[in-house]
Protein backbone atom coordinates (compact mmCIF):
# COMPACT_ATOMS: atom_id res chain seq x y z
CA MET A 1 71.18 128.68 142.90
CA ASN A 2 68.63 128.16 140.26
CA ALA A 3 69.20 125.55 137.67
CA PRO A 4 69.73 126.94 134.12
CA ASN A 5 66.64 126.90 131.87
CA THR A 6 66.89 124.09 129.54
CA PRO A 7 64.43 123.68 126.68
CA PRO A 8 62.16 120.67 127.14
CA SER A 9 63.10 117.81 125.22
CA THR A 10 60.84 117.15 122.17
CA PRO A 11 60.31 113.71 120.66
CA PRO A 12 61.73 113.31 117.28
CA ILE A 13 59.14 114.04 114.51
CA THR A 14 58.70 111.00 112.43
CA PRO A 15 57.63 112.01 109.00
CA THR A 16 54.20 110.48 108.01
CA VAL A 17 54.10 108.92 104.64
CA THR A 18 50.70 109.30 103.12
CA PRO A 19 49.91 106.62 100.67
CA THR A 20 49.33 108.21 97.28
CA ALA A 21 45.99 107.32 95.89
CA THR A 22 46.21 105.75 92.50
CA THR A 23 44.73 108.07 89.90
CA PRO A 24 42.06 106.15 87.88
CA SER A 25 42.42 106.04 84.22
CA ARG A 26 40.30 108.72 82.57
CA GLN A 27 40.34 107.05 79.19
CA GLY A 28 36.93 105.43 79.65
CA THR A 29 35.41 108.79 81.04
CA ARG A 30 36.90 110.74 77.99
CA THR A 31 35.40 108.20 75.70
CA VAL A 32 31.95 108.49 77.26
CA SER A 33 32.29 112.26 77.18
CA ALA A 34 33.17 112.21 73.51
CA ASP A 35 30.22 109.88 72.70
CA LEU A 36 27.87 112.20 74.63
CA GLN A 37 29.24 115.31 72.96
CA SER A 38 28.85 113.65 69.54
CA THR A 39 25.33 112.63 70.35
CA VAL A 40 24.51 116.20 71.51
CA GLU A 41 25.91 117.60 68.28
CA ILE A 42 23.87 115.23 66.21
CA GLY A 43 20.82 115.95 68.17
CA ARG A 44 21.47 119.66 67.65
CA PHE A 45 21.81 119.27 63.91
CA VAL A 46 18.52 117.25 63.78
CA LEU A 47 16.84 120.04 65.83
CA VAL A 48 18.10 122.71 63.57
CA LEU A 49 16.93 120.81 60.42
CA ARG A 50 13.53 120.22 61.87
CA ARG A 51 13.10 123.75 62.95
CA ARG A 52 14.33 125.25 59.67
CA TRP A 53 13.03 122.65 57.11
CA LYS A 54 11.38 125.50 55.15
CA VAL A 55 14.81 126.90 54.27
CA VAL A 56 15.99 123.47 53.11
CA ALA A 57 12.99 122.94 51.12
CA LEU A 58 13.28 126.48 49.57
CA VAL A 59 16.94 125.76 48.41
CA SER A 60 15.83 122.43 46.94
CA ALA A 61 12.79 123.97 45.11
CA ALA A 62 15.09 126.71 43.73
CA LEU A 63 17.59 124.18 42.30
CA VAL A 64 14.84 122.18 40.90
CA ALA A 65 13.35 125.31 39.21
CA ALA A 66 16.86 126.09 37.78
CA ALA A 67 17.06 122.45 36.52
CA CYS A 68 13.83 122.82 34.82
CA VAL A 69 14.96 126.05 33.02
CA TRP A 70 18.23 124.41 32.08
CA THR A 71 16.53 121.36 30.53
CA VAL A 72 14.43 123.82 28.53
CA LEU A 73 17.06 126.22 27.44
CA ALA A 74 20.23 124.13 27.33
CA PRO A 75 21.06 122.55 23.91
CA SER A 76 20.06 118.85 24.00
CA SER A 77 22.23 116.10 22.51
CA SER A 78 21.20 113.03 20.53
CA THR A 79 23.25 109.78 20.24
CA ALA A 80 22.63 107.55 17.10
CA THR A 81 24.05 104.06 16.94
CA THR A 82 24.66 101.72 14.03
CA GLN A 83 25.36 98.00 14.69
CA VAL A 84 27.45 95.89 12.26
CA ASN A 85 28.65 92.47 12.14
CA VAL A 86 32.40 92.30 11.49
CA ASN A 87 33.86 89.62 9.30
CA VAL A 88 37.21 88.07 10.27
CA ILE A 89 40.13 88.75 7.97
CA ALA A 90 42.07 85.51 8.27
CA THR A 91 45.93 85.89 8.00
CA ASP A 92 46.28 82.06 7.47
CA PRO A 93 43.26 80.37 6.13
CA PHE A 94 44.89 76.96 6.43
CA ALA A 95 45.62 77.21 10.15
CA ALA A 96 43.41 75.62 12.84
CA GLN A 97 40.21 77.61 12.98
CA ARG A 98 39.18 79.41 16.11
CA THR A 99 35.88 81.25 17.06
CA SER A 100 35.44 84.50 15.08
CA SER A 101 35.30 86.56 18.23
CA ASP A 102 38.70 85.24 19.29
CA LEU A 103 40.14 86.27 16.00
CA LEU A 104 38.98 89.90 16.36
CA ASP A 105 40.89 92.34 18.51
CA PRO A 106 38.33 94.93 20.01
CA ALA A 107 40.99 97.56 20.52
CA THR A 108 42.31 97.29 16.92
CA GLU A 109 38.86 97.34 15.40
CA ARG A 110 37.98 100.47 17.47
CA GLN A 111 41.14 102.17 16.24
CA ILE A 112 40.16 101.35 12.72
CA VAL A 113 36.73 103.10 13.12
CA LEU A 114 38.54 106.17 14.59
CA SER A 115 41.21 106.14 11.91
CA SER A 116 41.76 109.15 9.62
CA GLU A 117 41.08 107.05 6.65
CA VAL A 118 37.62 106.04 7.71
CA ILE A 119 36.76 109.40 9.10
CA ASP A 120 37.91 111.34 5.93
CA ARG A 121 35.86 109.06 3.78
CA ALA A 122 32.76 109.48 5.86
CA ALA A 123 33.17 113.30 5.91
CA ALA A 124 33.46 113.16 2.11
CA ASP A 125 30.22 111.17 1.94
CA LEU A 126 28.34 113.61 4.17
CA GLY A 127 29.12 116.54 1.93
CA LYS A 128 31.51 119.50 1.58
CA GLY A 129 30.24 121.23 4.73
CA THR A 130 31.25 118.42 6.97
CA ALA A 131 34.77 118.58 8.46
CA PRO A 132 36.57 115.43 9.60
CA ARG A 133 37.16 117.14 12.95
CA SER A 134 33.46 117.41 13.70
CA VAL A 135 33.02 113.74 12.71
CA ARG A 136 35.76 112.67 15.16
CA ALA A 137 34.49 114.92 17.99
CA GLY A 138 31.25 112.95 18.54
CA LEU A 139 32.29 109.50 17.39
CA ASP A 140 32.67 106.39 19.54
CA ALA A 141 32.79 102.67 18.82
CA GLN A 142 32.79 99.65 21.14
CA MET A 143 32.66 95.96 20.36
CA VAL A 144 30.07 93.79 22.13
CA ALA A 145 32.02 91.53 24.44
CA GLY A 146 32.12 87.91 23.18
CA SER A 147 30.81 88.65 19.77
CA THR A 148 31.67 90.07 16.41
CA VAL A 149 29.22 92.89 16.72
CA MET A 150 30.47 96.53 16.56
CA ARG A 151 28.33 99.50 17.77
CA ILE A 152 29.35 102.67 16.12
CA SER A 153 27.78 105.81 17.82
CA TRP A 154 27.85 109.58 17.07
CA THR A 155 26.50 112.19 19.39
CA GLY A 156 25.40 115.57 18.14
CA ALA A 157 22.76 118.35 18.62
CA GLU A 158 20.53 117.25 15.78
CA PRO A 159 19.01 113.73 15.78
CA ARG A 160 18.98 113.31 12.02
CA ARG A 161 22.48 114.54 11.68
CA ALA A 162 23.62 111.99 14.35
CA GLN A 163 21.90 109.15 12.37
CA ALA A 164 23.51 110.26 8.98
CA VAL A 165 27.04 110.46 10.58
CA ALA A 166 26.82 107.02 12.35
CA ASP A 167 25.58 105.31 9.18
CA ALA A 168 28.31 106.94 6.95
CA VAL A 169 31.14 106.01 9.36
CA ALA A 170 29.80 102.42 9.52
CA THR A 171 29.60 102.16 5.80
CA GLU A 172 33.08 103.44 5.27
CA TYR A 173 34.46 101.20 8.07
CA LEU A 174 33.06 98.11 6.42
CA ALA A 175 34.37 99.24 3.06
CA TYR A 176 37.86 99.85 4.40
CA ARG A 177 37.91 96.38 6.04
CA GLY A 178 36.64 94.91 2.75
CA GLU A 179 39.55 96.51 1.04
CA GLN A 180 41.92 95.15 3.59
CA ALA A 181 40.43 91.64 3.17
CA ALA A 182 40.78 91.76 -0.64
CA ALA A 183 44.28 92.95 -0.34
CA ARG A 184 45.24 90.13 1.95
CA GLN A 185 43.31 87.60 -0.16
CA GLN A 186 45.38 88.82 -3.21
CA ASP A 187 48.58 88.50 -1.28
CA ALA A 188 47.77 85.00 -0.48
CA LEU A 189 46.82 84.07 -4.06
CA GLU A 190 49.88 85.38 -5.80
CA PRO A 191 52.40 82.73 -4.61
CA LEU A 192 49.81 80.00 -5.20
CA VAL A 193 49.13 81.26 -8.73
CA GLU A 194 52.75 81.34 -9.52
CA ARG A 195 53.33 77.87 -8.19
CA ARG A 196 50.39 76.63 -10.25
CA ASP A 197 51.77 78.16 -13.41
CA ALA A 198 55.22 76.63 -12.79
CA LEU A 199 53.80 73.20 -12.17
CA ASN A 200 51.79 73.41 -15.52
CA ALA A 201 54.94 74.42 -17.37
CA GLN A 202 56.83 71.47 -15.84
CA LEU A 203 54.07 69.01 -16.89
CA GLN A 204 54.30 70.32 -20.43
CA GLN A 205 58.16 70.04 -20.63
CA THR A 206 58.58 66.43 -19.27
CA ASP A 207 56.94 63.26 -18.42
CA ALA A 208 59.33 62.41 -15.55
CA GLY A 209 57.78 62.59 -12.24
CA ARG A 210 54.40 63.38 -13.69
CA SER A 211 52.49 61.65 -10.87
CA ALA A 212 54.19 63.77 -8.14
CA LEU A 213 53.69 66.97 -10.18
CA LEU A 214 50.05 66.34 -10.59
CA SER A 215 49.56 65.68 -6.92
CA GLU A 216 51.23 68.93 -6.03
CA LEU A 217 49.18 70.79 -8.61
CA ASN A 218 45.95 69.46 -7.17
CA LEU A 219 47.02 70.58 -3.70
CA VAL A 220 47.86 74.07 -5.10
CA LEU A 221 44.54 74.21 -6.90
CA THR A 222 42.73 73.20 -3.69
CA GLN A 223 44.55 76.06 -1.74
CA ILE A 224 43.69 78.56 -4.49
CA THR A 225 40.06 77.48 -4.20
CA LYS A 226 39.98 78.04 -0.41
CA VAL A 227 41.74 81.41 -0.63
CA SER A 228 39.37 82.54 -3.32
CA GLY A 229 36.42 81.53 -1.15
CA LEU A 230 37.41 83.67 1.67
CA ALA A 231 35.00 86.51 2.44
CA THR A 232 36.37 89.82 1.26
CA SER A 233 33.54 92.06 2.56
CA GLY A 234 34.35 93.82 5.79
CA GLY A 235 31.00 92.77 7.35
CA THR A 236 27.41 93.55 7.13
CA VAL A 237 25.07 96.28 8.67
CA LEU A 238 22.75 94.78 11.29
CA VAL A 239 20.82 97.80 12.35
CA LYS A 240 21.02 101.24 10.68
CA ALA A 241 21.03 104.28 12.91
CA ALA A 242 18.30 105.86 10.70
CA ASP A 243 16.01 102.89 11.50
CA THR A 244 16.05 103.48 15.16
CA PRO A 245 15.30 106.69 17.16
CA PRO A 246 18.49 108.24 18.66
CA ALA A 247 18.83 108.36 22.31
CA THR A 248 18.63 111.75 23.89
CA GLY A 249 21.01 113.21 26.44
CA THR A 250 20.32 112.91 30.26
CA LYS A 251 16.67 112.41 31.01
CA ALA A 252 14.88 115.42 32.44
CA SER A 253 13.64 113.28 35.36
CA THR A 254 17.10 112.41 36.25
CA VAL A 255 18.32 115.85 36.18
CA LEU A 256 15.43 117.07 38.26
CA LEU A 257 15.94 114.27 40.78
CA ALA A 258 19.58 115.15 41.05
CA ALA A 259 18.80 118.76 41.55
CA GLY A 260 16.30 118.03 44.24
CA VAL A 261 18.73 115.78 46.12
CA LEU A 262 21.61 118.35 45.71
CA GLY A 263 19.31 121.10 46.94
CA LEU A 264 18.45 119.24 50.05
CA LEU A 265 22.13 118.68 50.87
CA LEU A 266 23.07 122.28 49.99
CA GLY A 267 20.17 123.47 52.24
CA ALA A 268 20.94 121.32 55.05
CA PHE A 269 24.66 122.40 54.95
CA ALA A 270 23.62 126.07 54.72
CA VAL A 271 21.31 125.82 57.68
CA ILE A 272 23.85 123.88 59.84
CA LEU A 273 26.67 126.31 58.97
CA ASP A 274 24.35 129.26 59.65
CA ASP A 275 23.59 127.73 63.07
CA MET A 276 27.21 127.23 63.90
CA VAL A 277 27.97 130.87 63.03
CA ARG A 278 24.91 132.49 64.51
CA ARG A 279 23.39 130.07 66.89
CA ARG A 280 19.72 130.61 67.48
CA VAL A 281 17.50 130.02 70.52
CA TYR A 282 15.41 126.95 70.38
CA ASP A 283 15.51 125.12 73.77
CA ALA A 284 16.66 125.24 77.25
CA ALA A 285 20.28 124.61 76.37
CA ASP A 286 20.35 127.64 74.19
CA VAL A 287 18.79 129.76 76.79
CA VAL A 288 21.41 128.60 79.38
CA ASP A 289 24.21 129.18 77.00
CA GLY A 290 22.82 132.75 76.42
CA ASN A 291 22.93 133.40 80.21
CA GLY A 292 19.24 134.03 80.07
CA GLY A 293 18.49 132.05 83.21
CA PRO A 294 16.29 128.92 83.11
CA LEU A 295 13.79 128.33 80.44
CA LEU A 296 10.56 129.30 81.88
CA ALA A 297 8.36 128.20 79.00
CA ARG A 298 8.31 127.49 75.25
CA LEU A 299 5.09 128.61 73.93
CA GLN A 300 3.46 127.04 70.89
CA ALA A 301 1.06 129.86 70.16
CA ARG A 302 1.30 132.01 67.05
CA THR A 303 -1.60 134.28 67.81
CA MET A 304 -3.15 135.88 70.83
CA ALA A 305 -6.07 133.29 70.61
CA ASP A 306 -3.57 130.44 70.73
CA LEU A 307 -2.45 131.46 74.15
CA ASP A 308 -5.74 130.12 75.58
CA GLN A 309 -5.04 126.56 74.38
CA PRO A 310 -4.48 124.14 77.33
CA VAL A 311 -0.74 123.55 76.50
CA ASP A 312 0.24 127.30 76.44
CA ALA A 313 -2.08 128.08 79.36
CA ASP A 314 -0.65 125.46 81.61
CA ALA A 315 2.87 126.60 80.67
CA LEU A 316 2.10 130.26 81.63
CA GLN A 317 0.56 129.26 84.93
CA SER A 318 3.67 127.15 85.61
CA VAL A 319 5.80 130.16 84.99
CA TRP A 320 3.79 132.14 87.49
CA HIS A 321 4.33 129.46 90.08
CA ARG A 322 7.98 129.69 89.54
CA LEU A 323 8.01 133.54 89.68
CA ARG A 324 5.80 134.00 92.77
CA ILE A 325 8.36 132.54 95.19
CA GLN A 326 10.63 135.32 94.20
CA ILE A 327 8.04 138.11 94.86
CA ALA A 328 8.28 139.93 98.24
CA ASP A 329 6.70 143.28 97.29
CA ASP A 330 3.21 144.31 97.91
CA ILE A 331 3.04 145.77 94.34
CA PRO A 332 4.50 143.08 92.27
CA VAL A 333 5.59 144.24 88.77
CA ILE A 334 6.99 141.84 86.19
CA LEU A 335 9.24 143.57 83.62
CA VAL A 336 9.00 141.56 80.40
CA ILE A 337 11.91 142.47 78.03
CA GLY A 338 12.18 141.51 74.40
CA ALA A 339 15.51 140.14 73.24
CA THR A 340 15.06 140.91 69.64
CA ILE A 341 12.72 142.81 67.45
CA GLY A 342 9.61 140.81 66.64
CA ALA A 343 9.50 138.87 69.94
CA PRO A 344 5.87 138.94 71.20
CA VAL A 345 6.58 140.88 74.41
CA ALA A 346 3.27 142.54 74.85
CA ALA A 347 1.40 139.23 74.29
CA VAL A 348 3.66 137.42 76.75
CA ALA A 349 3.23 140.27 79.38
CA ARG A 350 -0.54 140.15 79.06
CA ALA A 351 -0.63 136.40 79.24
CA LEU A 352 1.50 136.49 82.38
CA GLU A 353 -1.10 138.82 84.07
CA LEU A 354 -3.91 136.48 83.09
CA ALA A 355 -2.12 133.50 84.33
CA ALA A 356 -1.37 135.03 87.66
CA ALA A 357 -4.93 136.12 88.06
CA ALA A 358 -6.12 132.61 87.26
CA VAL A 359 -3.86 130.99 89.78
CA ASP A 360 -4.24 133.20 92.81
CA ASP A 361 -6.41 136.30 92.34
CA ALA A 362 -6.91 136.75 96.04
CA SER A 363 -3.68 135.30 97.32
CA PRO A 364 -2.62 136.46 100.87
CA GLN A 365 0.98 136.73 99.55
CA VAL A 366 0.02 139.50 97.05
CA SER A 367 -2.11 142.46 98.08
CA ARG A 368 -2.60 143.86 94.63
CA ARG A 369 -3.08 142.34 91.29
CA VAL A 370 0.19 141.47 89.41
CA ARG A 371 1.03 143.80 86.61
CA ALA A 372 3.43 143.02 83.74
CA LEU A 373 5.22 145.82 81.89
CA ALA A 374 6.24 145.04 78.34
CA VAL A 375 9.43 146.50 76.96
CA PRO A 376 9.86 145.58 73.26
CA ALA A 377 13.36 145.45 71.74
CA GLU A 378 12.31 148.21 69.48
CA GLU A 379 12.57 150.69 72.43
CA GLY A 380 16.27 149.87 72.92
CA TYR A 381 18.33 148.82 75.96
CA ALA A 382 18.13 152.13 77.65
CA VAL A 383 14.47 151.94 78.60
CA ALA A 384 14.81 148.24 79.86
CA LEU A 385 17.94 149.10 81.80
CA SER A 386 16.33 152.04 83.53
CA LEU A 387 13.19 150.08 84.57
CA ALA A 388 14.78 146.79 85.42
CA PRO A 389 16.26 147.67 88.86
CA ARG A 390 12.84 148.86 90.08
CA ALA A 391 10.93 145.81 88.86
CA THR A 392 10.04 142.85 91.11
CA VAL A 393 11.33 140.20 88.54
CA VAL A 394 12.53 140.47 85.09
CA VAL A 395 11.62 137.97 82.35
CA LEU A 396 13.23 137.86 78.99
CA VAL A 397 11.32 136.91 75.74
CA ALA A 398 13.25 135.22 72.88
CA GLU A 399 11.81 134.60 69.51
CA ASP A 400 11.74 130.95 68.66
CA GLY A 401 14.38 130.28 65.99
CA ARG A 402 15.16 133.92 65.35
CA THR A 403 16.85 135.30 68.39
CA THR A 404 20.48 134.47 68.50
CA VAL A 405 22.28 133.09 71.64
CA ARG A 406 24.74 136.00 71.34
CA ARG A 407 22.01 138.57 71.38
CA LEU A 408 20.30 136.93 74.46
CA ALA A 409 23.66 136.89 76.17
CA THR A 410 24.32 140.63 75.38
CA LEU A 411 20.98 141.57 76.95
CA ALA A 412 21.60 139.37 80.04
CA ASP A 413 25.01 140.95 80.38
CA HIS A 414 23.58 144.47 80.35
CA LEU A 415 21.04 143.59 83.02
CA ARG A 416 23.62 142.10 85.28
CA ALA A 417 25.66 145.27 84.80
CA VAL A 418 22.80 147.19 86.55
CA GLY A 419 22.62 144.66 89.22
CA VAL A 420 19.57 142.63 87.77
CA GLU A 421 19.48 138.83 87.52
CA PRO A 422 16.89 137.64 84.95
CA ALA A 423 14.41 135.22 86.43
CA GLY A 424 14.27 133.30 83.25
CA THR A 425 13.48 133.25 79.61
CA VAL A 426 10.23 132.62 77.69
CA VAL A 427 10.68 131.39 74.08
CA ALA A 428 7.80 132.13 71.79
CA HIS A 429 7.01 132.34 68.11
CA ARG A 430 6.54 135.62 66.31
CA PHE A 431 2.71 136.37 66.35
CA THR A 432 0.96 136.87 63.04
CA GLU A 433 -1.05 139.71 64.71
CA ALA A 434 1.44 142.51 64.28
CA ALA A 435 -0.59 144.93 66.32
CA GLY A 436 -0.22 142.61 69.35
CA ASN A 437 3.51 143.01 69.27
CA ALA A 438 3.88 146.68 69.09
CA PRO A 439 2.46 148.96 71.76
CA ALA A 440 -0.30 150.96 70.31
CA PRO A 441 -0.64 154.75 71.29
CA ALA A 442 -3.25 155.11 73.81
CA PRO A 443 -3.94 157.39 76.82
CA ALA A 444 -2.06 156.60 80.07
CA ALA A 445 -5.27 155.48 81.85
CA ALA A 446 -6.10 153.08 79.14
CA SER A 447 -2.77 151.53 78.65
CA PRO A 448 -2.39 148.22 80.70
CA ALA A 449 1.37 148.98 81.12
CA ALA A 450 0.88 152.61 82.15
CA ALA A 451 0.22 151.86 85.86
CA PRO A 452 3.26 149.59 86.34
CA ALA A 453 5.52 152.07 84.52
CA ALA A 454 4.30 154.82 86.84
CA GLU A 455 4.91 152.54 89.82
CA LEU A 456 8.32 151.65 88.68
CA GLN A 457 9.30 155.22 87.95
CA THR A 458 8.09 156.33 91.48
CA GLY A 459 9.22 153.17 93.27
CA GLU A 460 11.92 155.03 95.25
CA ALA A 461 9.50 157.64 96.33
CA ARG A 462 7.16 154.90 97.84
């Protein structure tokens, strides 16, 4: 009898505890990344300002021109100043003397100048056509620190008017203070005079205590002499406003300098803000962000003749070296597509042909001469998308500082939608030779792009 089938015994499974790796702190990494990002943003701003300095200069020049017009047309202001020395009005001439500047309260003296009494008198002196309100509007007064000198200033449109008002206010201010000094002197003399008269009457009526009465009388007379000797004038005029030229308003040089600096700041802000909203293509980072592939070359030329310069000639030959490894056809045709209107597509296409011929005109890898077909942005996306799948390689051309990253990305997305991956992007300036950018009407046999176009159109038949 067979033994019953029993399941083989299995050893117990011991759970394996895997030590958990300690996650390192990312604070240092985040700090470094933030620093790098800040550095990149600053570098971007510097690049934008360097590329578009003409816009900044134009804004600054416009503000300087506006400031020039303003300094000519805007009403100018003149400030006339009269300086007076203020006499102290002593409340107690027999107390311990202090310096005159300590006995004067600058705030009080300023309020006296601005008082209605002084202003009304000055307006009356200036004539019936002068209102106290207009006198008060441009009036100011300040004491020179640590002295008894008061500066009374008036600001107005006409220099002579400013001088007249400043002198009139200063005259009435001193006159008012003189009246106050005389009134205080009279107040101090009245009890002394009454005491003197009383002592004289006592001396005439009796001889008793005559010696004491005479002593007191002499003291009273001395006090009367001192009080009578106090200055009752409010002060003296040191410098009349009419004797010195009034100070004009803000100097024209200051206004122009401020306008220039403000223009630079506004121009820089406008350029940076515009780049943040509509980022333009300048360097490799912009090309990559626009999905235009790698930056093949950044040309310095601005005319067709400049393409023969060593810098651009070497850059174009380097482009061809990078493109030739992607070529497997016997009839290599490079499709050069402009990202925006104005990009020198035809010039770049012709330059690539010449660069390829200079590198390997008889290369065993290529049986026929390389041809480049230019498709300017003026022809629209339809032409480029219809030819791109039949081309050997596709190269995009972005205009330096004018093509936006968004526009480049849109073109690259359209190409990828038809199964074409751009080989890269050439960044070039807009050429001053307008004829070189636009394809000129010519017979098919004479057009350098006619043969590549025909080859692309009949590529499937081949």
